[in-house]
Amino acid sequence: MNRSLTYFPQRMRVAMAFAGVKGIDLARDTGIPQSRISELLGGKKEPTVGNAIAIAQRLNVTLDWLFEDKEPLLECA
């Protein structure tokens, strides 16, 4: 399995929860179709570079954080 598919969906969900953003909000704010957001969250598709950048910017995280398991997950407390 591709490493981006290993960490990206989980980290995207954590960042969304931390930011209080739902899939539909992320789709609206980034211009990424809701169906693609669902596929990304489910690990069914890899994000394009453009989509990954838009998601990272909207969720206020780095690309490295989204794709790697080197930094701790955000604390949503």
N, C-alpha and C. Protein backbone atom coordinates (compact mmCIF):
# COMPACT_ATOMS: atom_id res chain seq x y z
N MET A 1 0.85 -1.19 0.00
CA MET A 1 0.00 0.00 0.00
C MET A 1 0.89 1.25 0.00
N ASN A 2 0.49 2.22 -0.74
CA ASN A 2 1.20 3.49 -0.82
C ASN A 2 1.17 4.18 0.55
N ARG A 3 2.28 4.76 0.93
CA ARG A 3 2.35 5.42 2.25
C ARG A 3 1.34 6.54 2.38
N SER A 4 1.04 7.26 1.29
CA SER A 4 0.06 8.35 1.41
C SER A 4 -1.30 7.80 1.78
N LEU A 5 -1.61 6.60 1.28
CA LEU A 5 -2.90 6.01 1.63
C LEU A 5 -2.89 5.43 3.03
N THR A 6 -1.72 5.20 3.59
CA THR A 6 -1.62 4.69 4.95
C THR A 6 -1.95 5.78 5.96
N TYR A 7 -1.36 6.95 5.82
CA TYR A 7 -1.50 8.00 6.82
C TYR A 7 -2.49 9.10 6.45
N PHE A 8 -2.60 9.42 5.19
CA PHE A 8 -3.39 10.57 4.76
C PHE A 8 -4.84 10.53 5.26
N PRO A 9 -5.60 9.45 5.05
CA PRO A 9 -7.01 9.48 5.48
C PRO A 9 -7.17 9.72 6.98
N GLN A 10 -6.38 9.03 7.79
CA GLN A 10 -6.49 9.18 9.24
C GLN A 10 -6.13 10.60 9.65
N ARG A 11 -5.05 11.10 9.10
CA ARG A 11 -4.61 12.44 9.49
C ARG A 11 -5.56 13.51 8.96
N MET A 12 -6.14 13.28 7.82
CA MET A 12 -7.14 14.22 7.30
C MET A 12 -8.34 14.26 8.24
N ARG A 13 -8.81 13.10 8.69
CA ARG A 13 -9.94 13.05 9.63
C ARG A 13 -9.61 13.77 10.94
N VAL A 14 -8.41 13.55 11.46
CA VAL A 14 -8.01 14.20 12.72
C VAL A 14 -7.96 15.72 12.54
N ALA A 15 -7.37 16.18 11.45
CA ALA A 15 -7.27 17.62 11.21
C ALA A 15 -8.66 18.24 11.02
N MET A 16 -9.55 17.51 10.34
CA MET A 16 -10.91 18.01 10.16
C MET A 16 -11.62 18.13 11.51
N ALA A 17 -11.47 17.12 12.37
CA ALA A 17 -12.10 17.17 13.68
C ALA A 17 -11.53 18.32 14.51
N PHE A 18 -10.23 18.49 14.47
CA PHE A 18 -9.57 19.56 15.21
C PHE A 18 -10.07 20.93 14.75
N ALA A 19 -10.26 21.07 13.43
CA ALA A 19 -10.71 22.35 12.86
C ALA A 19 -12.22 22.51 12.91
N GLY A 20 -12.94 21.45 13.28
CA GLY A 20 -14.41 21.52 13.30
C GLY A 20 -15.00 21.61 11.91
N VAL A 21 -14.36 20.94 10.96
CA VAL A 21 -14.77 21.02 9.55
C VAL A 21 -15.36 19.68 9.12
N LYS A 22 -16.51 19.71 8.51
CA LYS A 22 -17.13 18.50 7.96
C LYS A 22 -16.73 18.37 6.50
N GLY A 23 -16.95 17.18 5.95
CA GLY A 23 -16.59 16.92 4.56
C GLY A 23 -17.21 17.90 3.59
N ILE A 24 -18.48 18.21 3.80
CA ILE A 24 -19.16 19.14 2.90
C ILE A 24 -18.55 20.54 2.98
N ASP A 25 -18.12 20.94 4.18
CA ASP A 25 -17.47 22.25 4.35
C ASP A 25 -16.12 22.26 3.64
N LEU A 26 -15.37 21.18 3.80
CA LEU A 26 -14.06 21.08 3.16
C LEU A 26 -14.21 21.12 1.65
N ALA A 27 -15.23 20.44 1.14
CA ALA A 27 -15.49 20.45 -0.31
C ALA A 27 -15.80 21.87 -0.79
N ARG A 28 -16.65 22.55 -0.07
CA ARG A 28 -17.03 23.92 -0.45
C ARG A 28 -15.83 24.85 -0.39
N ASP A 29 -15.05 24.75 0.68
CA ASP A 29 -13.95 25.68 0.89
C ASP A 29 -12.77 25.44 -0.04
N THR A 30 -12.60 24.20 -0.50
CA THR A 30 -11.45 23.88 -1.34
C THR A 30 -11.80 23.73 -2.82
N GLY A 31 -13.08 23.59 -3.13
CA GLY A 31 -13.49 23.35 -4.51
C GLY A 31 -13.31 21.90 -4.94
N ILE A 32 -12.99 21.03 -4.00
CA ILE A 32 -12.85 19.60 -4.29
C ILE A 32 -14.24 18.98 -4.16
N PRO A 33 -14.68 18.21 -5.14
CA PRO A 33 -16.02 17.61 -5.04
C PRO A 33 -16.19 16.77 -3.77
N GLN A 34 -17.39 16.81 -3.21
CA GLN A 34 -17.70 16.04 -2.00
C GLN A 34 -17.41 14.56 -2.21
N SER A 35 -17.68 14.05 -3.39
CA SER A 35 -17.42 12.63 -3.66
C SER A 35 -15.92 12.31 -3.55
N ARG A 36 -15.07 13.23 -3.98
CA ARG A 36 -13.63 13.01 -3.88
C ARG A 36 -13.17 13.10 -2.43
N ILE A 37 -13.75 14.03 -1.67
CA ILE A 37 -13.43 14.13 -0.24
C ILE A 37 -13.74 12.79 0.43
N SER A 38 -14.88 12.21 0.13
CA SER A 38 -15.27 10.91 0.70
C SER A 38 -14.30 9.82 0.30
N GLU A 39 -13.87 9.82 -0.96
CA GLU A 39 -12.90 8.83 -1.43
C GLU A 39 -11.56 8.99 -0.72
N LEU A 40 -11.14 10.22 -0.50
CA LEU A 40 -9.89 10.48 0.20
C LEU A 40 -9.97 10.02 1.65
N LEU A 41 -11.08 10.32 2.30
CA LEU A 41 -11.26 9.92 3.70
C LEU A 41 -11.34 8.40 3.84
N GLY A 42 -11.87 7.75 2.83
CA GLY A 42 -11.98 6.30 2.85
C GLY A 42 -10.74 5.58 2.38
N GLY A 43 -9.73 6.34 1.93
CA GLY A 43 -8.50 5.73 1.45
C GLY A 43 -8.64 5.06 0.10
N LYS A 44 -9.69 5.41 -0.63
CA LYS A 44 -9.94 4.79 -1.93
C LYS A 44 -9.19 5.48 -3.06
N LYS A 45 -8.84 6.73 -2.87
CA LYS A 45 -8.11 7.50 -3.87
C LYS A 45 -6.97 8.25 -3.20
N GLU A 46 -5.92 8.47 -3.98
CA GLU A 46 -4.82 9.31 -3.52
C GLU A 46 -5.13 10.75 -3.90
N PRO A 47 -4.75 11.69 -3.07
CA PRO A 47 -5.00 13.09 -3.42
C PRO A 47 -4.02 13.54 -4.51
N THR A 48 -4.49 14.42 -5.36
CA THR A 48 -3.58 15.08 -6.30
C THR A 48 -2.75 16.07 -5.49
N VAL A 49 -1.68 16.54 -6.07
CA VAL A 49 -0.86 17.53 -5.38
C VAL A 49 -1.70 18.76 -5.06
N GLY A 50 -2.47 19.21 -6.03
CA GLY A 50 -3.31 20.39 -5.82
C GLY A 50 -4.33 20.19 -4.72
N ASN A 51 -4.97 19.02 -4.71
CA ASN A 51 -5.95 18.74 -3.66
C ASN A 51 -5.30 18.67 -2.29
N ALA A 52 -4.14 18.03 -2.22
CA ALA A 52 -3.44 17.92 -0.94
C ALA A 52 -3.06 19.30 -0.40
N ILE A 53 -2.60 20.16 -1.29
CA ILE A 53 -2.23 21.52 -0.88
C ILE A 53 -3.45 22.27 -0.38
N ALA A 54 -4.56 22.19 -1.11
CA ALA A 54 -5.78 22.89 -0.72
C ALA A 54 -6.30 22.39 0.63
N ILE A 55 -6.26 21.08 0.83
CA ILE A 55 -6.72 20.50 2.09
C ILE A 55 -5.81 20.94 3.24
N ALA A 56 -4.51 20.85 3.04
CA ALA A 56 -3.57 21.26 4.08
C ALA A 56 -3.76 22.73 4.44
N GLN A 57 -3.93 23.58 3.45
CA GLN A 57 -4.12 25.00 3.73
C GLN A 57 -5.41 25.24 4.49
N ARG A 58 -6.48 24.61 4.07
CA ARG A 58 -7.78 24.83 4.72
C ARG A 58 -7.76 24.31 6.16
N LEU A 59 -7.06 23.19 6.39
CA LEU A 59 -7.04 22.59 7.71
C LEU A 59 -5.87 23.09 8.56
N ASN A 60 -5.08 23.98 7.99
CA ASN A 60 -3.97 24.61 8.70
C ASN A 60 -2.95 23.59 9.24
N VAL A 61 -2.59 22.64 8.36
CA VAL A 61 -1.55 21.66 8.67
C VAL A 61 -0.56 21.64 7.51
N THR A 62 0.58 21.04 7.72
CA THR A 62 1.57 20.96 6.65
C THR A 62 1.32 19.69 5.81
N LEU A 63 1.85 19.71 4.61
CA LEU A 63 1.78 18.51 3.78
C LEU A 63 2.54 17.36 4.44
N ASP A 64 3.69 17.67 5.02
CA ASP A 64 4.45 16.64 5.72
C ASP A 64 3.61 15.99 6.80
N TRP A 65 2.90 16.79 7.57
CA TRP A 65 2.07 16.25 8.64
C TRP A 65 0.99 15.33 8.08
N LEU A 66 0.37 15.73 6.97
CA LEU A 66 -0.70 14.91 6.40
C LEU A 66 -0.20 13.56 5.89
N PHE A 67 1.01 13.53 5.36
CA PHE A 67 1.48 12.32 4.68
C PHE A 67 2.43 11.44 5.49
N GLU A 68 2.97 11.94 6.56
CA GLU A 68 3.97 11.18 7.31
C GLU A 68 3.51 10.93 8.73
N ASP A 69 4.07 9.92 9.33
CA ASP A 69 3.74 9.56 10.70
C ASP A 69 4.88 9.96 11.64
N LYS A 70 5.55 11.07 11.33
CA LYS A 70 6.70 11.50 12.12
C LYS A 70 6.31 12.44 13.25
N GLU A 71 5.32 13.26 13.01
CA GLU A 71 4.89 14.22 14.03
C GLU A 71 3.64 13.67 14.72
N PRO A 72 3.44 13.99 15.99
CA PRO A 72 2.26 13.49 16.70
C PRO A 72 0.97 14.00 16.06
N LEU A 73 -0.09 13.23 16.27
CA LEU A 73 -1.40 13.68 15.83
C LEU A 73 -1.80 14.89 16.65
N LEU A 74 -2.65 15.73 16.09
CA LEU A 74 -3.14 16.90 16.79
C LEU A 74 -3.94 16.47 18.01
N GLU A 75 -3.92 17.28 19.02
CA GLU A 75 -4.76 17.01 20.18
C GLU A 75 -6.03 17.81 20.04
N CYS A 76 -7.13 17.12 20.02
CA CYS A 76 -8.43 17.76 19.78
C CYS A 76 -9.15 18.10 21.08
N ALA A 77 -8.42 18.35 22.12
CA ALA A 77 -9.06 18.67 23.39
C ALA A 77 -9.12 20.15 23.60
